[in-house]
C-alpha atoms as a PDB file:
ATOM      1  CA  MET A   1     -50.235  18.702   6.179  1.00  0.00           C
ATOM      2  CA  LYS A   2     -51.615  21.942   7.590  1.00  0.00           C
ATOM      3  CA  PHE A   3     -50.420  23.361  10.913  1.00  0.00           C
ATOM      4  CA  HIS A   4     -52.884  24.971  13.351  1.00  0.00           C
ATOM      5  CA  GLN A   5     -52.421  26.637  16.715  1.00  0.00           C
ATOM      6  CA  ALA A   6     -55.162  28.025  18.939  1.00  0.00           C
ATOM      7  CA  GLU A   7     -56.295  28.582  22.492  1.00  0.00           C
ATOM      8  CA  ALA A   8     -58.433  25.626  23.499  1.00  0.00           C
ATOM      9  CA  LEU A   9     -60.406  24.096  26.341  1.00  0.00           C
ATOM     10  CA  ILE A  10     -59.727  20.403  26.841  1.00  0.00           C
ATOM     11  CA  LEU A  11     -62.907  18.307  27.004  1.00  0.00           C
ATOM     12  CA  GLU A  12     -61.722  14.728  27.267  1.00  0.00           C
ATOM     13  CA  VAL A  13     -58.510  12.736  27.537  1.00  0.00           C
ATOM     14  CA  SER A  14     -58.559   8.975  26.948  1.00  0.00           C
ATOM     15  CA  ASP A  15     -55.972   6.251  26.426  1.00  0.00           C
ATOM     16  CA  LEU A  16     -54.975   4.998  22.990  1.00  0.00           C
ATOM     17  CA  GLN A  17     -52.699   1.973  22.750  1.00  0.00           C
ATOM     18  CA  GLU A  18     -49.746   1.708  25.110  1.00  0.00           C
ATOM     19  CA  ALA A  19     -48.224   5.173  25.003  1.00  0.00           C
ATOM     20  CA  ASP A  20     -50.665   7.562  23.318  1.00  0.00           C
ATOM     21  CA  ARG A  21     -53.752   9.510  24.310  1.00  0.00           C
ATOM     22  CA  ILE A  22     -56.745  10.844  22.398  1.00  0.00           C
ATOM     23  CA  VAL A  23     -57.590  14.438  23.289  1.00  0.00           C
ATOM     24  CA  VAL A  24     -60.918  16.116  22.508  1.00  0.00           C
ATOM     25  CA  PHE A  25     -60.681  19.897  22.688  1.00  0.00           C
ATOM     26  CA  LEU A  26     -62.743  22.979  21.857  1.00  0.00           C
ATOM     27  CA  THR A  27     -61.520  26.067  20.023  1.00  0.00           C
ATOM     28  CA  ARG A  28     -63.255  29.291  19.101  1.00  0.00           C
ATOM     29  CA  GLU A  29     -62.282  29.117  15.458  1.00  0.00           C
ATOM     30  CA  GLU A  30     -62.748  25.443  14.622  1.00  0.00           C
ATOM     31  CA  GLY A  31     -65.123  24.142  17.251  1.00  0.00           C
ATOM     32  CA  LYS A  32     -64.549  20.631  18.535  1.00  0.00           C
ATOM     33  CA  ARG A  33     -61.453  18.741  17.402  1.00  0.00           C
ATOM     34  CA  ARG A  34     -60.085  15.279  18.169  1.00  0.00           C
ATOM     35  CA  GLY A  35     -56.399  14.562  18.141  1.00  0.00           C
ATOM     36  CA  VAL A  36     -53.707  12.062  19.085  1.00  0.00           C
ATOM     37  CA  ALA A  37     -50.964  13.055  21.526  1.00  0.00           C
ATOM     38  CA  ARG A  38     -48.194  10.595  20.724  1.00  0.00           C
ATOM     39  CA  GLY A  39     -46.267   9.303  23.719  1.00  0.00           C
ATOM     40  CA  ALA A  40     -48.452  11.236  26.168  1.00  0.00           C
ATOM     41  CA  LYS A  41     -48.619   8.278  28.579  1.00  0.00           C
ATOM     42  CA  ARG A  42     -44.864   8.020  28.891  1.00  0.00           C
ATOM     43  CA  ARG A  43     -43.305   9.193  32.139  1.00  0.00           C
ATOM     44  CA  PHE A  44     -41.150  11.923  30.626  1.00  0.00           C
ATOM     45  CA  SER A  45     -43.547  12.955  27.864  1.00  0.00           C
ATOM     46  CA  ARG A  46     -43.596  16.613  26.795  1.00  0.00           C
ATOM     47  CA  PHE A  47     -47.344  16.475  27.486  1.00  0.00           C
ATOM     48  CA  ALA A  48     -46.890  15.428  31.125  1.00  0.00           C
ATOM     49  CA  GLY A  49     -49.218  17.414  33.386  1.00  0.00           C
ATOM     50  CA  GLU A  50     -50.618  19.453  30.493  1.00  0.00           C
ATOM     51  CA  LEU A  51     -53.601  17.320  29.455  1.00  0.00           C
ATOM     52  CA  GLN A  52     -56.158  18.181  32.132  1.00  0.00           C
ATOM     53  CA  PRO A  53     -59.898  18.000  31.351  1.00  0.00           C
ATOM     54  CA  LEU A  54     -61.420  21.526  31.312  1.00  0.00           C
ATOM     55  CA  ALA A  55     -57.989  23.166  31.444  1.00  0.00           C
ATOM     56  CA  LYS A  56     -57.292  26.037  29.063  1.00  0.00           C
ATOM     57  CA  ALA A  57     -54.246  25.491  26.887  1.00  0.00           C
ATOM     58  CA  ARG A  58     -52.583  26.660  23.715  1.00  0.00           C
ATOM     59  CA  ILE A  59     -52.583  23.647  21.424  1.00  0.00           C
ATOM     60  CA  GLY A  60     -50.672  23.146  18.199  1.00  0.00           C
ATOM     61  CA  TRP A  61     -51.689  20.391  15.808  1.00  0.00           C
ATOM     62  CA  MET A  62     -51.145  19.055  12.318  1.00  0.00           C
ATOM     63  CA  GLU A  63     -54.096  18.158  10.124  1.00  0.00           C
ATOM     64  CA  LYS A  64     -53.948  15.800   7.183  1.00  0.00           C
ATOM     65  CA  GLU A  65     -56.756  15.865   4.648  1.00  0.00           C
ATOM     66  CA  GLY A  66     -59.086  12.896   4.933  1.00  0.00           C
ATOM     67  CA  ARG A  67     -58.049  12.008   8.494  1.00  0.00           C
ATOM     68  CA  ASP A  68     -60.570  12.209  11.346  1.00  0.00           C
ATOM     69  CA  LEU A  69     -57.893  12.632  14.010  1.00  0.00           C
ATOM     70  CA  VAL A  70     -55.369  15.455  13.976  1.00  0.00           C
ATOM     71  CA  ARG A  71     -51.865  15.022  15.374  1.00  0.00           C
ATOM     72  CA  ILE A  72     -51.165  17.140  18.446  1.00  0.00           C
ATOM     73  CA  GLY A  73     -47.644  18.507  18.528  1.00  0.00           C
ATOM     74  CA  SER A  74     -47.662  20.901  21.467  1.00  0.00           C
ATOM     75  CA  VAL A  75     -49.750  21.767  24.523  1.00  0.00           C
ATOM     76  CA  GLU A  76     -48.970  24.815  26.645  1.00  0.00           C
ATOM     77  CA  LEU A  77     -51.092  25.091  29.786  1.00  0.00           C
ATOM     78  CA  VAL A  78     -52.723  28.524  30.209  1.00  0.00           C
ATOM     79  CA  ARG A  79     -55.161  27.866  33.067  1.00  0.00           C
ATOM     80  CA  PRO A  80     -54.997  24.599  35.009  1.00  0.00           C
ATOM     81  CA  VAL A  81     -57.965  23.105  36.836  1.00  0.00           C
ATOM     82  CA  LYS A  82     -57.343  22.903  40.579  1.00  0.00           C
ATOM     83  CA  LEU A  83     -60.410  23.495  42.760  1.00  0.00           C
ATOM     84  CA  LEU A  84     -62.662  21.160  40.757  1.00  0.00           C
ATOM     85  CA  GLN A  85     -60.169  18.336  41.216  1.00  0.00           C
ATOM     86  CA  LEU A  86     -60.121  18.523  45.014  1.00  0.00           C
ATOM     87  CA  ASP A  87     -63.252  16.432  45.646  1.00  0.00           C
ATOM     88  CA  LEU A  88     -65.324  13.748  43.960  1.00  0.00           C
ATOM     89  CA  GLU A  89     -68.338  15.993  43.377  1.00  0.00           C
ATOM     90  CA  GLY A  90     -66.173  18.531  41.561  1.00  0.00           C
ATOM     91  CA  ILE A  91     -64.568  15.863  39.383  1.00  0.00           C
ATOM     92  CA  LEU A  92     -67.968  14.412  38.465  1.00  0.00           C
ATOM     93  CA  LEU A  93     -69.473  17.837  37.773  1.00  0.00           C
ATOM     94  CA  GLY A  94     -66.556  18.729  35.532  1.00  0.00           C
ATOM     95  CA  ALA A  95     -67.106  15.531  33.560  1.00  0.00           C
ATOM     96  CA  THR A  96     -70.797  16.329  33.008  1.00  0.00           C
ATOM     97  CA  ILE A  97     -70.005  19.829  31.765  1.00  0.00           C
ATOM     98  CA  ALA A  98     -67.328  18.588  29.375  1.00  0.00           C
ATOM     99  CA  GLU A  99     -69.550  15.828  27.992  1.00  0.00           C
ATOM    100  CA  GLN A 100     -72.446  18.203  27.345  1.00  0.00           C
ATOM    101  CA  VAL A 101     -70.182  20.543  25.387  1.00  0.00           C
ATOM    102  CA  ALA A 102     -68.804  17.587  23.423  1.00  0.00           C
ATOM    103  CA  LEU A 103     -72.366  16.553  22.543  1.00  0.00           C
ATOM    104  CA  PHE A 104     -73.513  19.978  21.363  1.00  0.00           C
ATOM    105  CA  ALA A 105     -70.378  21.469  19.772  1.00  0.00           C
ATOM    106  CA  GLN A 106     -69.799  20.670  16.107  1.00  0.00           C
ATOM    107  CA  GLU A 107     -66.502  19.459  14.685  1.00  0.00           C
ATOM    108  CA  GLY A 108     -64.687  21.920  12.463  1.00  0.00           C
ATOM    109  CA  GLU A 109     -67.267  24.710  12.864  1.00  0.00           C
ATOM    110  CA  PRO A 110     -66.696  28.000  14.747  1.00  0.00           C
ATOM    111  CA  ALA A 111     -67.917  27.809  18.352  1.00  0.00           C
ATOM    112  CA  GLU A 112     -67.322  31.282  19.770  1.00  0.00           C
ATOM    113  CA  VAL A 113     -70.445  31.378  21.966  1.00  0.00           C
ATOM    114  CA  ILE A 114     -70.068  27.862  23.380  1.00  0.00           C
ATOM    115  CA  TYR A 115     -66.370  28.485  23.966  1.00  0.00           C
ATOM    116  CA  ARG A 116     -67.069  31.668  25.941  1.00  0.00           C
ATOM    117  CA  LEU A 117     -69.805  29.900  27.921  1.00  0.00           C
ATOM    118  CA  LEU A 118     -67.527  27.006  28.879  1.00  0.00           C
ATOM    119  CA  ASP A 119     -64.638  29.352  29.661  1.00  0.00           C
ATOM    120  CA  ALA A 120     -66.820  31.461  31.992  1.00  0.00           C
ATOM    121  CA  THR A 121     -68.280  28.327  33.606  1.00  0.00           C
ATOM    122  CA  VAL A 122     -64.886  26.838  34.446  1.00  0.00           C
ATOM    123  CA  GLU A 123     -63.619  30.202  35.673  1.00  0.00           C
ATOM    124  CA  ALA A 124     -66.612  30.571  38.024  1.00  0.00           C
ATOM    125  CA  LEU A 125     -66.212  27.048  39.399  1.00  0.00           C
ATOM    126  CA  GLU A 126     -62.494  27.564  39.942  1.00  0.00           C
ATOM    127  CA  ALA A 127     -63.325  30.817  41.779  1.00  0.00           C
ATOM    128  CA  GLY A 128     -65.494  28.849  44.213  1.00  0.00           C
ATOM    129  CA  ARG A 129     -68.910  30.023  43.019  1.00  0.00           C
ATOM    130  CA  ASP A 130     -71.931  27.941  44.007  1.00  0.00           C
ATOM    131  CA  ARG A 131     -71.759  24.798  41.892  1.00  0.00           C
ATOM    132  CA  ASN A 132     -75.512  24.313  41.699  1.00  0.00           C
ATOM    133  CA  LEU A 133     -76.040  27.832  40.363  1.00  0.00           C
ATOM    134  CA  VAL A 134     -73.159  27.598  37.889  1.00  0.00           C
ATOM    135  CA  ALA A 135     -74.331  24.216  36.570  1.00  0.00           C
ATOM    136  CA  ARG A 136     -77.899  25.431  36.010  1.00  0.00           C
ATOM    137  CA  TYR A 137     -76.639  28.604  34.327  1.00  0.00           C
ATOM    138  CA  PHE A 138     -74.407  26.557  32.048  1.00  0.00           C
ATOM    139  CA  GLU A 139     -77.058  23.965  31.148  1.00  0.00           C
ATOM    140  CA  SER A 140     -79.708  26.576  30.374  1.00  0.00           C
ATOM    141  CA  TRP A 141     -77.364  28.672  28.243  1.00  0.00           C
ATOM    142  CA  LEU A 142     -76.046  25.634  26.370  1.00  0.00           C
ATOM    143  CA  LEU A 143     -79.581  24.757  25.269  1.00  0.00           C
ATOM    144  CA  ARG A 144     -80.130  28.371  24.261  1.00  0.00           C
ATOM    145  CA  THR A 145     -76.968  28.496  22.146  1.00  0.00           C
ATOM    146  CA  ALA A 146     -78.115  25.327  20.386  1.00  0.00           C
ATOM    147  CA  GLY A 147     -81.422  27.009  19.530  1.00  0.00           C
ATOM    148  CA  ILE A 148     -83.402  24.452  21.506  1.00  0.00           C
ATOM    149  CA  PHE A 149     -84.690  26.556  24.384  1.00  0.00           C
ATOM    150  CA  PRO A 150     -85.428  30.175  23.381  1.00  0.00           C
ATOM    151  CA  PRO A 151     -85.605  33.034  25.927  1.00  0.00           C
ATOM    152  CA  PRO A 152     -88.940  33.154  27.813  1.00  0.00           C
ATOM    153  CA  ASP A 153     -90.079  36.503  26.422  1.00  0.00           C
ATOM    154  CA  ALA A 154     -93.618  35.731  25.299  1.00  0.00           C
ATOM    155  CA  CYS A 155     -95.892  32.775  24.673  1.00  0.00           C
ATOM    156  CA  PRO A 156     -95.181  31.507  21.121  1.00  0.00           C
ATOM    157  CA  GLN A 157     -98.826  30.504  20.717  1.00  0.00           C
ATOM    158  CA  CYS A 158    -100.738  33.622  21.810  1.00  0.00           C
ATOM    159  CA  GLY A 159     -97.987  36.231  22.085  1.00  0.00           C
ATOM    160  CA  ARG A 160     -98.748  37.236  25.658  1.00  0.00           C
ATOM    161  CA  GLU A 161     -96.035  37.837  28.238  1.00  0.00           C
ATOM    162  CA  LEU A 162     -95.179  34.873  30.451  1.00  0.00           C
ATOM    163  CA  GLU A 163     -96.356  36.288  33.752  1.00  0.00           C
ATOM    164  CA  GLY A 164     -96.844  34.259  36.924  1.00  0.00           C
ATOM    165  CA  GLY A 165     -95.094  31.171  35.622  1.00  0.00           C
ATOM    166  CA  ALA A 166     -95.386  29.112  32.456  1.00  0.00           C
ATOM    167  CA  SER A 167     -95.525  25.532  31.185  1.00  0.00           C
ATOM    168  CA  ILE A 168     -93.057  23.429  29.210  1.00  0.00           C
ATOM    169  CA  LEU A 169     -94.513  21.749  26.149  1.00  0.00           C
ATOM    170  CA  ALA A 170     -94.553  17.955  26.264  1.00  0.00           C
ATOM    171  CA  SER A 171     -92.164  18.019  23.300  1.00  0.00           C
ATOM    172  CA  GLY A 172     -89.721  20.020  25.422  1.00  0.00           C
ATOM    173  CA  GLU A 173     -89.395  22.640  22.691  1.00  0.00           C
ATOM    174  CA  GLY A 174     -90.225  25.737  24.711  1.00  0.00           C
ATOM    175  CA  LEU A 175     -92.415  27.566  27.196  1.00  0.00           C
ATOM    176  CA  ILE A 176     -96.047  28.561  26.755  1.00  0.00           C
ATOM    177  CA  CYS A 177     -98.356  30.556  29.015  1.00  0.00           C
ATOM    178  CA  ARG A 178    -100.608  28.869  31.551  1.00  0.00           C
ATOM    179  CA  ASP A 179    -103.759  29.619  29.519  1.00  0.00           C
ATOM    180  CA  CYS A 180    -102.437  27.957  26.361  1.00  0.00           C
ATOM    181  CA  ALA A 181    -101.155  25.054  28.453  1.00  0.00           C
ATOM    182  CA  ARG A 182    -104.732  24.072  29.310  1.00  0.00           C
ATOM    183  CA  SER A 183    -105.196  22.747  25.791  1.00  0.00           C
ATOM    184  CA  ALA A 184    -101.646  21.396  25.414  1.00  0.00           C
ATOM    185  CA  HIS A 185    -101.546  17.731  26.408  1.00  0.00           C
ATOM    186  CA  GLY A 186     -98.638  16.822  28.650  1.00  0.00           C
ATOM    187  CA  ALA A 187     -97.428  20.375  29.289  1.00  0.00           C
ATOM    188  CA  GLU A 188     -95.660  20.684  32.646  1.00  0.00           C
ATOM    189  CA  ALA A 189     -95.946  23.817  34.797  1.00  0.00           C
ATOM    190  CA  VAL A 190     -92.892  25.767  35.935  1.00  0.00           C
ATOM    191  CA  SER A 191     -92.905  28.535  38.524  1.00  0.00           C
ATOM    192  CA  ALA A 192     -92.440  32.257  38.077  1.00  0.00           C
ATOM    193  CA  GLY A 193     -89.094  31.826  39.840  1.00  0.00           C
ATOM    194  CA  ALA A 194     -87.825  29.456  37.140  1.00  0.00           C
ATOM    195  CA  VAL A 195     -89.015  31.778  34.372  1.00  0.00           C
ATOM    196  CA  ASP A 196     -87.272  34.674  36.101  1.00  0.00           C
ATOM    197  CA  PHE A 197     -84.057  32.625  36.269  1.00  0.00           C
ATOM    198  CA  TRP A 198     -84.125  32.045  32.502  1.00  0.00           C
ATOM    199  CA  ARG A 199     -84.750  35.739  31.942  1.00  0.00           C
ATOM    200  CA  ARG A 200     -81.900  36.745  34.221  1.00  0.00           C
ATOM    201  CA  ILE A 201     -79.315  34.601  32.454  1.00  0.00           C
ATOM    202  CA  GLY A 202     -80.006  36.627  29.326  1.00  0.00           C
ATOM    203  CA  ARG A 203     -78.905  39.866  30.958  1.00  0.00           C
ATOM    204  CA  GLU A 204     -76.613  38.822  33.838  1.00  0.00           C
ATOM    205  CA  ASN A 205     -73.346  36.918  33.879  1.00  0.00           C
ATOM    206  CA  ILE A 206     -72.567  34.248  36.462  1.00  0.00           C
ATOM    207  CA  GLU A 207     -70.878  36.719  38.801  1.00  0.00           C
ATOM    208  CA  ARG A 208     -73.937  38.978  38.961  1.00  0.00           C
ATOM    209  CA  MET A 209     -76.264  36.004  39.372  1.00  0.00           C
ATOM    210  CA  ALA A 210     -74.153  34.836  42.308  1.00  0.00           C
ATOM    211  CA  ASP A 211     -74.648  38.159  44.096  1.00  0.00           C
ATOM    212  CA  THR A 212     -78.410  37.531  44.393  1.00  0.00           C
ATOM    213  CA  PRO A 213     -78.791  33.803  43.716  1.00  0.00           C
ATOM    214  CA  PRO A 214     -82.135  32.043  43.215  1.00  0.00           C
ATOM    215  CA  LYS A 215     -83.446  29.829  45.990  1.00  0.00           C
ATOM    216  CA  PRO A 216     -82.363  26.155  45.959  1.00  0.00           C
ATOM    217  CA  ALA A 217     -85.939  25.096  45.129  1.00  0.00           C
ATOM    218  CA  VAL A 218     -85.856  27.232  41.987  1.00  0.00           C
ATOM    219  CA  LEU A 219     -82.512  25.764  40.919  1.00  0.00           C
ATOM    220  CA  ALA A 220     -83.888  22.252  41.463  1.00  0.00           C
ATOM    221  CA  GLU A 221     -86.882  23.102  39.276  1.00  0.00           C
ATOM    222  CA  VAL A 222     -84.606  24.508  36.582  1.00  0.00           C
ATOM    223  CA  ALA A 223     -82.490  21.336  36.667  1.00  0.00           C
ATOM    224  CA  THR A 224     -85.576  19.171  36.139  1.00  0.00           C
ATOM    225  CA  ALA A 225     -86.867  21.351  33.307  1.00  0.00           C
ATOM    226  CA  VAL A 226     -83.621  21.621  31.348  1.00  0.00           C
ATOM    227  CA  GLY A 227     -83.052  17.901  31.825  1.00  0.00           C
ATOM    228  CA  ARG A 228     -86.406  17.173  30.226  1.00  0.00           C
ATOM    229  CA  ILE A 229     -85.667  19.460  27.275  1.00  0.00           C
ATOM    230  CA  ARG A 230     -82.162  18.069  26.803  1.00  0.00           C
ATOM    231  CA  ARG A 231     -83.310  14.431  26.899  1.00  0.00           C
ATOM    232  CA  HIS A 232     -86.043  15.132  24.361  1.00  0.00           C
ATOM    233  CA  PHE A 233     -83.528  16.684  21.979  1.00  0.00           C
ATOM    234  CA  LEU A 234     -80.741  14.109  22.405  1.00  0.00           C
ATOM    235  CA  GLN A 235     -83.111  11.150  22.839  1.00  0.00           C
ATOM    236  CA  HIS A 236     -80.945   9.982  25.733  1.00  0.00           C
ATOM    237  CA  GLU A 237     -79.520  11.235  29.006  1.00  0.00           C
ATOM    238  CA  VAL A 238     -75.969  12.483  29.325  1.00  0.00           C
ATOM    239  CA  ARG A 239     -73.979   9.458  30.495  1.00  0.00           C
ATOM    240  CA  SER A 240     -71.773  11.308  32.993  1.00  0.00           C
ATOM    241  CA  LEU A 241     -74.848  12.915  34.576  1.00  0.00           C
ATOM    242  CA  MET A 242     -76.266   9.481  35.322  1.00  0.00           C
ATOM    243  CA  VAL A 243     -72.917   8.403  36.777  1.00  0.00           C
ATOM    244  CA  MET A 244     -72.779  11.500  38.985  1.00  0.00           C
ATOM    245  CA  GLU A 245     -76.339  11.042  40.255  1.00  0.00           C
ATOM    246  CA  ARG A 246     -75.802   7.353  41.074  1.00  0.00           C
ATOM    247  CA  THR A 247     -72.439   7.952  42.716  1.00  0.00           C
ATOM    248  CA  LEU A 248     -73.533  10.852  44.908  1.00  0.00           C
ATOM    249  CA  ALA A 249     -76.775   9.067  45.851  1.00  0.00           C
ATOM    250  CA  ALA A 250     -74.775   6.010  46.944  1.00  0.00           C
ATOM    251  CA  LEU A 251     -72.503   8.169  49.092  1.00  0.00           C
ATOM    252  CA  ASP A 252     -75.503   9.822  50.775  1.00  0.00           C
ATOM    253  CA  SER A 253     -77.263   6.538  51.552  1.00  0.00           C
END
């Protein structure tokens, strides 16, 4: 057996048998890992209160060759999640963020960029930053780190700058200029405001974006666009996103 210890962000905690839990977590060095926390459901477990989704923790685990699940031996909480757990919207949003990372992060492969993105996202949400802005920033950057949605620098077909808006290809693979979009079947227009948002995330962190945030209409447009690109790539919608949309819509009705 090989022993590992690393700072990690917890993505998911689920029940296994009567006393154990399965924990999915993300590390910089080894990407996504899945492990069993033995006895974690017991009242006086050493893991009690430590296994919080999206919390930052120092996790120690044992890995046996040929086994899919590692065995978690220790969890030391570094940064708990508090503000996100105070209301239903926060809990649901946290679940969507964690699931998206779990879908895009690879098991056993370094994930420095995704780790830093998730860490900054949780930190901003816990600091009370606008949830809509933070979610759009996170979703757009996650697609960029996966190589799915490149920065909107120039039209990949004609090379011209994307001025005055752009269009998303029907395949969801990127942005083209309005002129090229005329001959691209199914391309969907996006505003100059949305293009500017995607440019800004390349040079500004969440804190700077929050100082001069985009208008709600722009964020709504970004949400629609990144959703289209993500669905095309995954060939399905993120399950927790559908749950959040249905739940919040039912509460508003």
